[in-house]
Amino acid sequence: MGYIFFGGYIMNCNNTANHSIGCTVNKCKFHCTESNHCTLEKVLIGTHESNPTEVQCVDCESFVPKN
């Protein structure tokens, strides 16, 4: 089972998964492995390009690597 550390408590991520935000980045601290969702309430999406034209140009700026 996937668990995350949240506000001093360890919680099953199904209790905190945001089903409005799908995510497959399993190396992110906020990733819920059990359901491939993000556990954040909202995410910030950005780009590293001045004129993004491909999906590779877009980034999740809320990403934090897992320890």
N, C-alpha and C. Protein backbone atom coordinates (compact mmCIF):
# COMPACT_ATOMS: atom_id res chain seq x y z
N MET A 1 0.83 -1.20 0.00
CA MET A 1 0.00 0.00 0.00
C MET A 1 0.86 1.24 0.00
N GLY A 2 0.41 2.26 -0.69
CA GLY A 2 1.14 3.52 -0.73
C GLY A 2 0.70 4.44 0.40
N TYR A 3 1.67 4.96 1.11
CA TYR A 3 1.38 5.90 2.20
C TYR A 3 2.17 7.16 1.98
N ILE A 4 1.64 8.29 2.42
CA ILE A 4 2.37 9.55 2.35
C ILE A 4 2.41 10.17 3.74
N PHE A 5 3.42 11.00 3.98
CA PHE A 5 3.54 11.72 5.23
C PHE A 5 2.86 13.06 5.04
N PHE A 6 1.86 13.35 5.83
CA PHE A 6 1.05 14.56 5.62
C PHE A 6 0.76 15.20 6.97
N GLY A 7 1.31 16.37 7.20
CA GLY A 7 1.03 17.13 8.41
C GLY A 7 1.32 16.38 9.70
N GLY A 8 2.38 15.58 9.73
CA GLY A 8 2.73 14.85 10.94
C GLY A 8 2.08 13.50 11.05
N TYR A 9 1.22 13.14 10.11
CA TYR A 9 0.53 11.85 10.15
C TYR A 9 0.84 11.05 8.89
N ILE A 10 0.92 9.76 9.01
CA ILE A 10 1.06 8.90 7.85
C ILE A 10 -0.34 8.47 7.45
N MET A 11 -0.69 8.75 6.17
CA MET A 11 -2.04 8.47 5.71
C MET A 11 -1.99 7.60 4.47
N ASN A 12 -2.97 6.75 4.30
CA ASN A 12 -3.16 6.02 3.07
C ASN A 12 -3.49 7.05 2.00
N CYS A 13 -2.79 7.01 0.87
CA CYS A 13 -2.99 8.09 -0.12
C CYS A 13 -4.35 8.03 -0.78
N ASN A 14 -5.10 6.95 -0.67
CA ASN A 14 -6.47 6.96 -1.20
C ASN A 14 -7.33 7.97 -0.45
N ASN A 15 -6.94 8.29 0.78
CA ASN A 15 -7.68 9.28 1.56
C ASN A 15 -7.33 10.71 1.13
N THR A 16 -6.20 10.89 0.45
CA THR A 16 -5.76 12.22 0.07
C THR A 16 -5.60 12.40 -1.43
N ALA A 17 -5.81 11.36 -2.22
CA ALA A 17 -5.66 11.48 -3.67
C ALA A 17 -6.69 12.46 -4.23
N ASN A 18 -6.21 13.36 -5.08
CA ASN A 18 -7.10 14.30 -5.75
C ASN A 18 -7.48 13.67 -7.09
N HIS A 19 -8.67 13.15 -7.19
CA HIS A 19 -9.09 12.43 -8.39
C HIS A 19 -9.33 13.36 -9.58
N SER A 20 -9.16 14.66 -9.39
CA SER A 20 -9.24 15.61 -10.50
C SER A 20 -7.88 15.83 -11.16
N ILE A 21 -6.81 15.33 -10.50
CA ILE A 21 -5.45 15.51 -11.04
C ILE A 21 -4.81 14.14 -11.21
N GLY A 22 -4.80 13.63 -12.42
CA GLY A 22 -4.12 12.38 -12.71
C GLY A 22 -2.62 12.62 -12.74
N CYS A 23 -1.83 11.62 -12.34
CA CYS A 23 -0.38 11.76 -12.32
C CYS A 23 0.27 10.39 -12.44
N THR A 24 1.31 10.30 -13.27
CA THR A 24 2.05 9.05 -13.41
C THR A 24 3.51 9.21 -13.02
N VAL A 25 3.86 10.32 -12.37
CA VAL A 25 5.25 10.59 -11.98
C VAL A 25 5.49 9.98 -10.60
N ASN A 26 5.86 8.70 -10.59
CA ASN A 26 5.98 7.99 -9.31
C ASN A 26 7.20 8.40 -8.50
N LYS A 27 8.07 9.25 -9.02
CA LYS A 27 9.22 9.74 -8.26
C LYS A 27 8.91 11.05 -7.55
N CYS A 28 7.64 11.52 -7.63
CA CYS A 28 7.23 12.76 -6.97
C CYS A 28 6.70 12.46 -5.57
N LYS A 29 7.02 13.32 -4.64
CA LYS A 29 6.56 13.21 -3.25
C LYS A 29 5.04 13.18 -3.14
N PHE A 30 4.36 13.84 -4.07
CA PHE A 30 2.91 13.98 -3.98
C PHE A 30 2.14 12.95 -4.81
N HIS A 31 2.84 11.99 -5.40
CA HIS A 31 2.21 10.97 -6.25
C HIS A 31 1.54 9.89 -5.40
N CYS A 32 0.32 9.54 -5.75
CA CYS A 32 -0.40 8.44 -5.10
C CYS A 32 -0.29 7.21 -6.01
N THR A 33 0.58 6.30 -5.65
CA THR A 33 0.85 5.11 -6.47
C THR A 33 -0.38 4.23 -6.62
N GLU A 34 -1.21 4.18 -5.61
CA GLU A 34 -2.37 3.29 -5.62
C GLU A 34 -3.37 3.63 -6.71
N SER A 35 -3.46 4.92 -7.09
CA SER A 35 -4.47 5.30 -8.06
C SER A 35 -3.96 6.22 -9.16
N ASN A 36 -2.63 6.45 -9.24
CA ASN A 36 -2.04 7.35 -10.23
C ASN A 36 -2.71 8.72 -10.24
N HIS A 37 -2.77 9.31 -9.05
CA HIS A 37 -3.29 10.67 -8.88
C HIS A 37 -2.31 11.48 -8.05
N CYS A 38 -2.47 12.79 -8.11
CA CYS A 38 -1.70 13.70 -7.26
C CYS A 38 -2.44 13.86 -5.93
N THR A 39 -1.69 14.10 -4.87
CA THR A 39 -2.32 14.29 -3.56
C THR A 39 -2.47 15.77 -3.20
N LEU A 40 -1.99 16.66 -4.08
CA LEU A 40 -2.13 18.09 -3.83
C LEU A 40 -3.54 18.57 -4.17
N GLU A 41 -3.96 19.66 -3.55
CA GLU A 41 -5.25 20.27 -3.86
C GLU A 41 -5.23 20.92 -5.24
N LYS A 42 -4.09 21.54 -5.58
CA LYS A 42 -3.91 22.13 -6.89
C LYS A 42 -2.44 22.05 -7.26
N VAL A 43 -2.14 22.12 -8.55
CA VAL A 43 -0.76 22.09 -9.03
C VAL A 43 -0.51 23.31 -9.91
N LEU A 44 0.76 23.63 -10.07
CA LEU A 44 1.17 24.73 -10.93
C LEU A 44 1.83 24.14 -12.17
N ILE A 45 1.27 24.42 -13.33
CA ILE A 45 1.81 23.96 -14.60
C ILE A 45 2.51 25.13 -15.27
N GLY A 46 3.71 24.89 -15.76
CA GLY A 46 4.48 25.95 -16.41
C GLY A 46 5.24 25.41 -17.60
N THR A 47 6.11 26.24 -18.14
CA THR A 47 6.93 25.84 -19.28
C THR A 47 8.33 26.40 -19.13
N HIS A 48 9.27 25.72 -19.75
CA HIS A 48 10.65 26.19 -19.78
C HIS A 48 11.01 26.74 -21.16
N GLU A 49 10.02 26.89 -22.02
CA GLU A 49 10.21 27.37 -23.39
C GLU A 49 9.52 28.73 -23.56
N SER A 50 10.05 29.55 -24.43
CA SER A 50 9.40 30.83 -24.70
C SER A 50 8.19 30.66 -25.61
N ASN A 51 8.18 29.59 -26.41
CA ASN A 51 7.06 29.32 -27.32
C ASN A 51 6.77 27.81 -27.31
N PRO A 52 6.10 27.31 -26.27
CA PRO A 52 5.88 25.86 -26.18
C PRO A 52 4.99 25.35 -27.30
N THR A 53 5.45 24.29 -27.98
CA THR A 53 4.69 23.72 -29.08
C THR A 53 4.51 22.21 -28.95
N GLU A 54 5.15 21.58 -27.95
CA GLU A 54 5.07 20.14 -27.76
C GLU A 54 4.84 19.84 -26.28
N VAL A 55 4.30 18.66 -26.01
CA VAL A 55 4.00 18.26 -24.64
C VAL A 55 5.28 18.26 -23.77
N GLN A 56 6.43 17.99 -24.36
CA GLN A 56 7.69 17.97 -23.61
C GLN A 56 8.09 19.36 -23.11
N CYS A 57 7.46 20.40 -23.62
CA CYS A 57 7.77 21.77 -23.22
C CYS A 57 7.03 22.19 -21.94
N VAL A 58 6.11 21.37 -21.47
CA VAL A 58 5.27 21.72 -20.33
C VAL A 58 5.73 20.93 -19.10
N ASP A 59 5.75 21.61 -17.94
CA ASP A 59 6.26 21.01 -16.70
C ASP A 59 5.27 21.18 -15.55
N CYS A 60 5.27 20.22 -14.64
CA CYS A 60 4.56 20.37 -13.38
C CYS A 60 5.53 21.06 -12.42
N GLU A 61 5.26 22.31 -12.13
CA GLU A 61 6.15 23.08 -11.25
C GLU A 61 5.89 22.82 -9.78
N SER A 62 4.94 21.93 -9.48
CA SER A 62 4.67 21.50 -8.11
C SER A 62 5.47 20.27 -7.73
N PHE A 63 6.23 19.72 -8.68
CA PHE A 63 7.02 18.51 -8.47
C PHE A 63 8.04 18.69 -7.36
N VAL A 64 8.07 17.71 -6.44
CA VAL A 64 9.10 17.62 -5.40
C VAL A 64 9.56 16.18 -5.40
N PRO A 65 10.88 15.92 -5.56
CA PRO A 65 11.34 14.54 -5.59
C PRO A 65 11.10 13.82 -4.27
N LYS A 66 10.79 12.52 -4.37
CA LYS A 66 10.67 11.71 -3.16
C LYS A 66 12.03 11.56 -2.51
N ASN A 67 12.04 11.44 -1.21
CA ASN A 67 13.31 11.21 -0.48
C ASN A 67 13.77 9.80 -0.66
